[in-house]
Amino acid sequence: MKSFYHYLMKYRHPKPQDEISKFANDAYNDHSFPKNTDNYDEISSYLEMNGSYLASMTVFDDAWERYQHEILKNL
């Protein structure tokens, strides 16, 4: 199964077009980001403590909803 991080990387863009693209770029540059998990609580806790680059947790929640819809629903 694809981790949330690997799913998020599809939104990376050299010139971010929206908040999710900016989040993807920042997560890519965050070498401590939990890259191999699909656990919402683990990622959410990490971002609350270390995600100063994230303007709002709503951005994460929106990305997570897309991840659930596209990846986790097929399990």
C-alpha atoms as a PDB file:
ATOM      1  CA  MET A   1       0.000   0.000   0.000  1.00  0.00           C
ATOM      2  CA  LYS A   2       1.123   3.553  -0.728  1.00  0.00           C
ATOM      3  CA  SER A   3       1.989   5.607   2.348  1.00  0.00           C
ATOM      4  CA  PHE A   4       0.477   9.039   2.839  1.00  0.00           C
ATOM      5  CA  TYR A   5       3.853  10.661   2.147  1.00  0.00           C
ATOM      6  CA  HIS A   6       4.232   8.861  -1.184  1.00  0.00           C
ATOM      7  CA  TYR A   7       0.679   9.817  -2.119  1.00  0.00           C
ATOM      8  CA  LEU A   8       1.341  13.448  -1.156  1.00  0.00           C
ATOM      9  CA  MET A   9       4.398  13.596  -3.400  1.00  0.00           C
ATOM     10  CA  LYS A  10       2.172  13.555  -6.485  1.00  0.00           C
ATOM     11  CA  TYR A  11       1.220  17.130  -5.538  1.00  0.00           C
ATOM     12  CA  ARG A  12       4.806  18.444  -5.513  1.00  0.00           C
ATOM     13  CA  HIS A  13       5.266  21.312  -7.903  1.00  0.00           C
ATOM     14  CA  PRO A  14       8.199  23.679  -8.530  1.00  0.00           C
ATOM     15  CA  LYS A  15       5.774  26.592  -8.324  1.00  0.00           C
ATOM     16  CA  PRO A  16       3.082  25.522  -5.840  1.00  0.00           C
ATOM     17  CA  GLN A  17      -0.380  26.167  -7.214  1.00  0.00           C
ATOM     18  CA  ASP A  18      -2.259  25.682  -3.941  1.00  0.00           C
ATOM     19  CA  GLU A  19      -1.812  24.877  -0.251  1.00  0.00           C
ATOM     20  CA  ILE A  20      -1.564  21.126  -0.822  1.00  0.00           C
ATOM     21  CA  SER A  21       1.244  21.629  -3.354  1.00  0.00           C
ATOM     22  CA  LYS A  22       3.056  23.835  -0.852  1.00  0.00           C
ATOM     23  CA  PHE A  23       2.502  21.198   1.855  1.00  0.00           C
ATOM     24  CA  ALA A  24       3.900  18.486  -0.458  1.00  0.00           C
ATOM     25  CA  ASN A  25       6.996  20.556  -1.211  1.00  0.00           C
ATOM     26  CA  ASP A  26       7.566  21.295   2.474  1.00  0.00           C
ATOM     27  CA  ALA A  27       7.020  17.659   3.496  1.00  0.00           C
ATOM     28  CA  TYR A  28       9.564  16.630   0.851  1.00  0.00           C
ATOM     29  CA  ASN A  29      12.116  18.985   2.422  1.00  0.00           C
ATOM     30  CA  ASP A  30      11.292  17.749   5.949  1.00  0.00           C
ATOM     31  CA  HIS A  31      13.711  14.843   6.334  1.00  0.00           C
ATOM     32  CA  SER A  32      12.010  13.707   9.555  1.00  0.00           C
ATOM     33  CA  PHE A  33       8.502  13.474   8.071  1.00  0.00           C
ATOM     34  CA  PRO A  34       7.018  10.003   8.765  1.00  0.00           C
ATOM     35  CA  LYS A  35       7.379   8.658   5.230  1.00  0.00           C
ATOM     36  CA  ASN A  36       6.314   5.039   5.635  1.00  0.00           C
ATOM     37  CA  THR A  37       3.008   5.252   7.454  1.00  0.00           C
ATOM     38  CA  ASP A  38      -0.664   5.418   6.624  1.00  0.00           C
ATOM     39  CA  ASN A  39      -1.654   6.164  10.232  1.00  0.00           C
ATOM     40  CA  TYR A  40      -3.595   9.427  10.574  1.00  0.00           C
ATOM     41  CA  ASP A  41      -2.830   9.896  14.271  1.00  0.00           C
ATOM     42  CA  GLU A  42       0.909   9.381  13.803  1.00  0.00           C
ATOM     43  CA  ILE A  43       1.135  11.911  10.975  1.00  0.00           C
ATOM     44  CA  SER A  44      -1.207  14.392  12.639  1.00  0.00           C
ATOM     45  CA  SER A  45       0.761  14.283  15.911  1.00  0.00           C
ATOM     46  CA  TYR A  46       4.021  14.721  14.026  1.00  0.00           C
ATOM     47  CA  LEU A  47       2.693  17.752  12.167  1.00  0.00           C
ATOM     48  CA  GLU A  48       1.272  19.325  15.322  1.00  0.00           C
ATOM     49  CA  MET A  49       4.697  19.119  16.953  1.00  0.00           C
ATOM     50  CA  ASN A  50       6.981  19.668  13.943  1.00  0.00           C
ATOM     51  CA  GLY A  51       4.972  21.033  11.045  1.00  0.00           C
ATOM     52  CA  SER A  52       5.645  24.729  11.481  1.00  0.00           C
ATOM     53  CA  TYR A  53       5.660  24.981   7.683  1.00  0.00           C
ATOM     54  CA  LEU A  54       1.994  23.974   7.585  1.00  0.00           C
ATOM     55  CA  ALA A  55      -0.214  27.074   7.579  1.00  0.00           C
ATOM     56  CA  SER A  56      -3.169  25.160   9.017  1.00  0.00           C
ATOM     57  CA  MET A  57      -3.969  21.572   9.939  1.00  0.00           C
ATOM     58  CA  THR A  58      -6.942  21.949   7.601  1.00  0.00           C
ATOM     59  CA  VAL A  59      -4.496  21.571   4.709  1.00  0.00           C
ATOM     60  CA  PHE A  60      -3.397  18.207   6.116  1.00  0.00           C
ATOM     61  CA  ASP A  61      -7.015  17.179   6.698  1.00  0.00           C
ATOM     62  CA  ASP A  62      -7.918  18.023   3.088  1.00  0.00           C
ATOM     63  CA  ALA A  63      -4.932  16.049   1.778  1.00  0.00           C
ATOM     64  CA  TRP A  64      -5.813  13.140   4.084  1.00  0.00           C
ATOM     65  CA  GLU A  65      -9.401  13.076   2.781  1.00  0.00           C
ATOM     66  CA  ARG A  66      -8.081  12.855  -0.791  1.00  0.00           C
ATOM     67  CA  TYR A  67      -5.711  10.078   0.279  1.00  0.00           C
ATOM     68  CA  GLN A  68      -8.545   8.144   1.908  1.00  0.00           C
ATOM     69  CA  HIS A  69     -10.778   8.567  -1.107  1.00  0.00           C
ATOM     70  CA  GLU A  70      -8.163   7.586  -3.679  1.00  0.00           C
ATOM     71  CA  ILE A  71      -5.992   5.039  -1.835  1.00  0.00           C
ATOM     72  CA  LEU A  72      -7.515   3.666   1.323  1.00  0.00           C
ATOM     73  CA  LYS A  73     -10.985   3.034  -0.123  1.00  0.00           C
ATOM     74  CA  ASN A  74      -9.491   0.370  -2.407  1.00  0.00           C
ATOM     75  CA  LEU A  75      -8.304  -1.817   0.487  1.00  0.00           C
END
